[in-house]
Amino acid sequence: MERILCAAICNPEEFDMADKPLIYCGYRHNNILWQGKHVSRNSYHQGFLTSSGRFVSREIAASIALRAKQINELQFSDEDLFSEDLY
């Protein structure tokens, strides 16, 4: 079963060697933003990394975390997962 691993920010303007957008990971989104000016500040680029290696939006992450029973409910939004929901 797929689970949420950590907060992530997808930077659609930077690409890896496979020509896929770079994904920065961290404990919380704020920790990722402190990695440097090259990390996107656009809140729509914030999401989570899953145990399957997928970058997913906050909304999809909420569904995954609930289904995997990582959380019982969302505490900070009606639809979106926040890292504070997890840990």
C-alpha atoms as a PDB file:
ATOM      1  CA  MET A   1       0.000   0.000   0.000  1.00  0.00           C
ATOM      2  CA  GLU A   2       1.303   3.411  -0.984  1.00  0.00           C
ATOM      3  CA  ARG A   3       2.122   5.773   1.897  1.00  0.00           C
ATOM      4  CA  ILE A   4       3.248   9.365   2.294  1.00  0.00           C
ATOM      5  CA  LEU A   5       6.968   9.643   3.081  1.00  0.00           C
ATOM      6  CA  CYS A   6       7.756  13.341   3.340  1.00  0.00           C
ATOM      7  CA  ALA A   7       6.994  16.875   2.233  1.00  0.00           C
ATOM      8  CA  ALA A   8       8.147  17.760  -1.276  1.00  0.00           C
ATOM      9  CA  ILE A   9       8.292  20.672  -3.684  1.00  0.00           C
ATOM     10  CA  CYS A  10       8.323  20.083  -7.426  1.00  0.00           C
ATOM     11  CA  ASN A  11      10.337  22.635  -9.376  1.00  0.00           C
ATOM     12  CA  PRO A  12       8.851  22.467 -12.903  1.00  0.00           C
ATOM     13  CA  GLU A  13      11.459  24.810 -14.346  1.00  0.00           C
ATOM     14  CA  GLU A  14      14.452  22.592 -13.400  1.00  0.00           C
ATOM     15  CA  PHE A  15      14.983  19.109 -14.783  1.00  0.00           C
ATOM     16  CA  ASP A  16      16.951  16.022 -13.757  1.00  0.00           C
ATOM     17  CA  MET A  17      19.005  13.781 -16.043  1.00  0.00           C
ATOM     18  CA  ALA A  18      15.837  11.938 -17.130  1.00  0.00           C
ATOM     19  CA  ASP A  19      14.306  15.293 -18.152  1.00  0.00           C
ATOM     20  CA  LYS A  20      11.767  15.155 -15.322  1.00  0.00           C
ATOM     21  CA  PRO A  21      11.063  18.129 -13.031  1.00  0.00           C
ATOM     22  CA  LEU A  22      13.314  18.242  -9.974  1.00  0.00           C
ATOM     23  CA  ILE A  23      11.701  17.348  -6.671  1.00  0.00           C
ATOM     24  CA  TYR A  24      13.109  18.638  -3.406  1.00  0.00           C
ATOM     25  CA  CYS A  25      12.226  16.765  -0.208  1.00  0.00           C
ATOM     26  CA  GLY A  26      12.298  17.584   3.476  1.00  0.00           C
ATOM     27  CA  TYR A  27      10.679  17.099   6.841  1.00  0.00           C
ATOM     28  CA  ARG A  28       8.353  20.066   6.284  1.00  0.00           C
ATOM     29  CA  HIS A  29       7.809  22.368   3.298  1.00  0.00           C
ATOM     30  CA  ASN A  30       9.433  25.205   5.204  1.00  0.00           C
ATOM     31  CA  ASN A  31      12.625  23.138   5.560  1.00  0.00           C
ATOM     32  CA  ILE A  32      12.696  22.646   1.790  1.00  0.00           C
ATOM     33  CA  LEU A  33      12.254  26.359   1.111  1.00  0.00           C
ATOM     34  CA  TRP A  34      15.362  27.035   3.212  1.00  0.00           C
ATOM     35  CA  GLN A  35      17.434  24.923   0.772  1.00  0.00           C
ATOM     36  CA  GLY A  36      17.857  27.932  -1.491  1.00  0.00           C
ATOM     37  CA  LYS A  37      16.368  30.457  -3.882  1.00  0.00           C
ATOM     38  CA  HIS A  38      16.225  27.841  -6.635  1.00  0.00           C
ATOM     39  CA  VAL A  39      13.324  26.072  -4.872  1.00  0.00           C
ATOM     40  CA  SER A  40       9.920  27.189  -6.159  1.00  0.00           C
ATOM     41  CA  ARG A  41       7.983  29.482  -3.806  1.00  0.00           C
ATOM     42  CA  ASN A  42       4.728  28.754  -5.651  1.00  0.00           C
ATOM     43  CA  SER A  43       2.371  27.040  -3.186  1.00  0.00           C
ATOM     44  CA  TYR A  44       0.836  25.038  -6.051  1.00  0.00           C
ATOM     45  CA  HIS A  45       4.189  23.250  -6.430  1.00  0.00           C
ATOM     46  CA  GLN A  46       4.029  21.937  -2.853  1.00  0.00           C
ATOM     47  CA  GLY A  47       3.059  18.326  -2.291  1.00  0.00           C
ATOM     48  CA  PHE A  48       4.434  15.083  -0.938  1.00  0.00           C
ATOM     49  CA  LEU A  49       6.636  12.173  -1.978  1.00  0.00           C
ATOM     50  CA  THR A  50       5.064   8.723  -1.720  1.00  0.00           C
ATOM     51  CA  SER A  51       6.532   5.308  -1.004  1.00  0.00           C
ATOM     52  CA  SER A  52       6.085   4.579  -4.737  1.00  0.00           C
ATOM     53  CA  GLY A  53       8.379   7.473  -5.632  1.00  0.00           C
ATOM     54  CA  ARG A  54       5.549   9.666  -6.887  1.00  0.00           C
ATOM     55  CA  PHE A  55       5.208  13.385  -6.295  1.00  0.00           C
ATOM     56  CA  VAL A  56       1.564  14.103  -5.463  1.00  0.00           C
ATOM     57  CA  SER A  57      -0.433  17.217  -4.660  1.00  0.00           C
ATOM     58  CA  ARG A  58      -1.594  18.017  -1.144  1.00  0.00           C
ATOM     59  CA  GLU A  59      -5.111  16.857  -2.057  1.00  0.00           C
ATOM     60  CA  ILE A  60      -4.022  13.479  -3.433  1.00  0.00           C
ATOM     61  CA  ALA A  61      -1.625  13.078  -0.498  1.00  0.00           C
ATOM     62  CA  ALA A  62      -4.565  13.534   1.889  1.00  0.00           C
ATOM     63  CA  SER A  63      -6.430  10.704   0.196  1.00  0.00           C
ATOM     64  CA  ILE A  64      -3.377   8.416   0.330  1.00  0.00           C
ATOM     65  CA  ALA A  65      -2.638   9.182   3.996  1.00  0.00           C
ATOM     66  CA  LEU A  66      -6.257   8.556   5.003  1.00  0.00           C
ATOM     67  CA  ARG A  67      -6.473   5.312   3.003  1.00  0.00           C
ATOM     68  CA  ALA A  68      -3.164   4.073   4.463  1.00  0.00           C
ATOM     69  CA  LYS A  69      -4.380   5.011   7.952  1.00  0.00           C
ATOM     70  CA  GLN A  70      -1.391   7.281   8.502  1.00  0.00           C
ATOM     71  CA  ILE A  71      -3.899   9.825   9.800  1.00  0.00           C
ATOM     72  CA  ASN A  72      -7.484   9.585  11.029  1.00  0.00           C
ATOM     73  CA  GLU A  73      -8.554  13.025   9.805  1.00  0.00           C
ATOM     74  CA  LEU A  74      -7.265  16.239   8.273  1.00  0.00           C
ATOM     75  CA  GLN A  75      -6.625  18.858  10.930  1.00  0.00           C
ATOM     76  CA  PHE A  76      -5.595  21.949   8.971  1.00  0.00           C
ATOM     77  CA  SER A  77      -7.712  21.843   5.804  1.00  0.00           C
ATOM     78  CA  ASP A  78     -10.855  20.221   4.462  1.00  0.00           C
ATOM     79  CA  GLU A  79      -9.053  18.751   1.429  1.00  0.00           C
ATOM     80  CA  ASP A  80      -5.279  19.170   1.646  1.00  0.00           C
ATOM     81  CA  LEU A  81      -2.649  17.328   3.644  1.00  0.00           C
ATOM     82  CA  PHE A  82      -0.130  19.321   5.647  1.00  0.00           C
ATOM     83  CA  SER A  83       3.016  17.784   7.093  1.00  0.00           C
ATOM     84  CA  GLU A  84       1.712  18.789  10.506  1.00  0.00           C
ATOM     85  CA  ASP A  85      -1.122  16.292   9.932  1.00  0.00           C
ATOM     86  CA  LEU A  86       1.469  13.499   9.722  1.00  0.00           C
ATOM     87  CA  TYR A  87       4.050  14.409  12.351  1.00  0.00           C
END
